N, C-alpha and C. Protein backbone atom coordinates (compact mmCIF):
# COMPACT_ATOMS: atom_id res chain seq x y z
N MET A 1 13.07 44.66 -17.01
CA MET A 1 13.52 43.55 -16.20
C MET A 1 15.05 43.52 -16.21
N THR A 2 15.66 43.56 -15.05
CA THR A 2 17.11 43.55 -14.97
C THR A 2 17.62 42.12 -14.88
N ALA A 3 18.72 41.88 -15.56
CA ALA A 3 19.30 40.54 -15.56
C ALA A 3 20.02 40.29 -14.24
N LYS A 4 19.91 39.08 -13.74
CA LYS A 4 20.61 38.70 -12.52
C LYS A 4 21.98 38.17 -12.87
N PRO A 5 22.94 38.33 -11.98
CA PRO A 5 24.28 37.81 -12.27
C PRO A 5 24.30 36.29 -12.31
N CYS A 6 25.23 35.77 -13.08
CA CYS A 6 25.42 34.33 -13.21
C CYS A 6 25.79 33.75 -11.84
N PRO A 7 25.14 32.66 -11.40
CA PRO A 7 25.46 32.09 -10.10
C PRO A 7 26.84 31.43 -10.04
N ILE A 8 27.49 31.21 -11.17
CA ILE A 8 28.81 30.58 -11.19
C ILE A 8 29.92 31.63 -11.19
N CYS A 9 29.88 32.56 -12.14
CA CYS A 9 30.99 33.51 -12.27
C CYS A 9 30.63 34.94 -11.84
N GLY A 10 29.33 35.25 -11.73
CA GLY A 10 28.92 36.57 -11.29
C GLY A 10 28.74 37.60 -12.39
N LYS A 11 29.01 37.23 -13.65
CA LYS A 11 28.83 38.16 -14.76
C LYS A 11 27.34 38.35 -15.06
N ILE A 12 27.01 39.52 -15.58
CA ILE A 12 25.65 39.76 -16.05
C ILE A 12 25.56 39.16 -17.46
N PRO A 13 24.64 38.21 -17.69
CA PRO A 13 24.56 37.58 -19.01
C PRO A 13 24.12 38.57 -20.09
N ALA A 14 24.69 38.41 -21.29
CA ALA A 14 24.26 39.20 -22.44
C ALA A 14 22.89 38.70 -22.89
N GLU A 15 22.18 39.52 -23.63
CA GLU A 15 20.84 39.14 -24.08
C GLU A 15 20.86 37.88 -24.93
N GLU A 16 21.89 37.68 -25.74
CA GLU A 16 21.94 36.50 -26.60
C GLU A 16 22.25 35.23 -25.81
N ALA A 17 22.62 35.36 -24.55
CA ALA A 17 22.92 34.19 -23.71
C ALA A 17 21.68 33.73 -22.95
N ALA A 18 20.52 34.22 -23.30
CA ALA A 18 19.29 33.88 -22.58
C ALA A 18 19.00 32.38 -22.62
N ARG A 19 19.48 31.69 -23.63
CA ARG A 19 19.20 30.25 -23.71
C ARG A 19 19.94 29.47 -22.64
N TYR A 20 20.93 30.06 -21.98
CA TYR A 20 21.66 29.39 -20.90
C TYR A 20 21.19 29.84 -19.52
N ALA A 21 20.12 30.60 -19.46
CA ALA A 21 19.63 31.16 -18.20
C ALA A 21 19.49 30.07 -17.15
N PRO A 22 19.87 30.31 -15.94
CA PRO A 22 20.32 31.57 -15.34
C PRO A 22 21.82 31.81 -15.46
N PHE A 23 22.50 31.04 -16.31
CA PHE A 23 23.94 31.18 -16.47
C PHE A 23 24.26 32.13 -17.61
N CYS A 24 25.49 32.63 -17.63
CA CYS A 24 25.87 33.58 -18.67
C CYS A 24 26.40 32.89 -19.92
N SER A 25 26.75 31.62 -19.82
CA SER A 25 27.32 30.93 -20.98
C SER A 25 27.16 29.42 -20.85
N HIS A 26 27.47 28.75 -21.93
CA HIS A 26 27.45 27.29 -21.94
C HIS A 26 28.46 26.74 -20.93
N ARG A 27 29.61 27.38 -20.84
CA ARG A 27 30.65 26.94 -19.91
C ARG A 27 30.15 26.95 -18.47
N CYS A 28 29.52 28.04 -18.05
CA CYS A 28 29.02 28.12 -16.67
C CYS A 28 27.92 27.10 -16.42
N ALA A 29 27.09 26.85 -17.42
CA ALA A 29 26.04 25.83 -17.27
C ALA A 29 26.68 24.46 -17.08
N GLN A 30 27.77 24.18 -17.80
CA GLN A 30 28.47 22.90 -17.67
C GLN A 30 29.18 22.78 -16.32
N VAL A 31 29.73 23.87 -15.82
CA VAL A 31 30.37 23.86 -14.50
C VAL A 31 29.33 23.51 -13.44
N ASP A 32 28.15 24.09 -13.53
CA ASP A 32 27.09 23.81 -12.58
C ASP A 32 26.65 22.34 -12.67
N LEU A 33 26.48 21.83 -13.89
CA LEU A 33 26.09 20.43 -14.07
C LEU A 33 27.14 19.51 -13.46
N ASN A 34 28.42 19.80 -13.67
CA ASN A 34 29.49 18.99 -13.11
C ASN A 34 29.43 18.98 -11.58
N ARG A 35 29.13 20.12 -11.00
CA ARG A 35 29.02 20.18 -9.53
C ARG A 35 27.89 19.29 -9.04
N TRP A 36 26.76 19.29 -9.75
CA TRP A 36 25.64 18.42 -9.37
C TRP A 36 26.04 16.96 -9.48
N LEU A 37 26.66 16.60 -10.60
CA LEU A 37 27.00 15.20 -10.84
C LEU A 37 28.07 14.68 -9.89
N LYS A 38 28.97 15.53 -9.46
CA LYS A 38 30.05 15.12 -8.54
C LYS A 38 29.61 15.19 -7.07
N GLY A 39 28.39 15.67 -6.81
CA GLY A 39 27.89 15.75 -5.44
C GLY A 39 28.31 17.00 -4.71
N GLY A 40 28.72 18.01 -5.45
CA GLY A 40 29.15 19.27 -4.84
C GLY A 40 28.03 20.04 -4.15
N TYR A 41 26.81 19.77 -4.51
CA TYR A 41 25.67 20.46 -3.92
C TYR A 41 24.93 19.59 -2.90
N ALA A 42 25.53 18.51 -2.47
CA ALA A 42 24.88 17.60 -1.53
C ALA A 42 24.72 18.28 -0.17
N ILE A 43 23.62 18.01 0.45
CA ILE A 43 23.35 18.53 1.79
C ILE A 43 23.91 17.54 2.80
N PRO A 44 24.83 17.99 3.65
CA PRO A 44 25.39 17.05 4.63
C PRO A 44 24.32 16.59 5.62
N ALA A 45 24.33 15.32 5.93
CA ALA A 45 23.35 14.75 6.85
C ALA A 45 24.06 14.12 8.03
N VAL A 46 23.44 14.21 9.18
CA VAL A 46 23.95 13.57 10.38
C VAL A 46 23.05 12.39 10.66
N GLU A 47 23.64 11.20 10.63
CA GLU A 47 22.84 10.01 10.89
C GLU A 47 22.64 9.86 12.40
N GLU A 48 21.41 9.63 12.77
CA GLU A 48 21.08 9.45 14.18
C GLU A 48 20.94 7.96 14.46
N ASP A 49 21.23 7.57 15.68
CA ASP A 49 21.06 6.17 16.06
C ASP A 49 19.59 5.81 16.02
N ASP A 50 19.32 4.59 15.59
CA ASP A 50 17.95 4.09 15.53
C ASP A 50 17.52 3.71 16.95
N PRO A 51 16.47 4.32 17.49
CA PRO A 51 16.06 4.01 18.87
C PRO A 51 15.68 2.55 19.06
N ASP A 52 15.15 1.89 18.03
CA ASP A 52 14.78 0.48 18.15
C ASP A 52 16.01 -0.40 18.33
N GLU A 53 17.09 -0.09 17.65
CA GLU A 53 18.32 -0.88 17.79
C GLU A 53 18.92 -0.71 19.18
N SER A 54 18.83 0.46 19.76
CA SER A 54 19.37 0.71 21.09
C SER A 54 18.62 -0.10 22.14
N GLU A 55 17.31 -0.19 22.01
CA GLU A 55 16.50 -0.94 22.97
C GLU A 55 16.78 -2.43 22.88
N GLU A 56 16.96 -2.95 21.68
CA GLU A 56 17.24 -4.37 21.50
C GLU A 56 18.58 -4.75 22.12
N ALA A 57 19.56 -3.89 22.02
CA ALA A 57 20.89 -4.17 22.56
C ALA A 57 20.87 -4.12 24.09
N ALA A 58 19.99 -3.31 24.66
CA ALA A 58 19.94 -3.16 26.10
C ALA A 58 19.18 -4.30 26.78
N GLN A 59 18.29 -5.00 26.06
CA GLN A 59 17.52 -6.08 26.65
C GLN A 59 18.35 -7.36 26.69
N PRO A 60 18.26 -8.11 27.80
CA PRO A 60 19.02 -9.36 27.87
C PRO A 60 18.43 -10.40 26.92
N SER A 61 19.27 -11.25 26.43
CA SER A 61 18.85 -12.28 25.50
C SER A 61 18.31 -13.48 26.27
N ASP A 62 17.27 -14.14 25.73
CA ASP A 62 16.67 -15.32 26.36
C ASP A 62 17.49 -16.57 26.06
N ASN A 63 18.45 -16.51 25.18
CA ASN A 63 19.20 -17.68 24.76
C ASN A 63 20.48 -17.89 25.57
N LEU A 64 20.62 -17.27 26.73
CA LEU A 64 21.83 -17.38 27.52
C LEU A 64 21.86 -18.68 28.32
N HIS A 65 20.77 -19.36 28.52
CA HIS A 65 20.72 -20.55 29.37
C HIS A 65 21.03 -21.78 28.62
């Protein structure tokens, strides 16, 4: 089984670093955790207009009289 490179630094982890898998070291594992906690891995979202709100705004109000 061949070791995969560390997703943070790209080094091939040593056998004794298996406890940090898939990272090569404690440092790289902490860098990854920090990215998660700071929102670095967030998926950007595009908010769409709510179709119900658009229809309500287009209808005339009954309270105008």
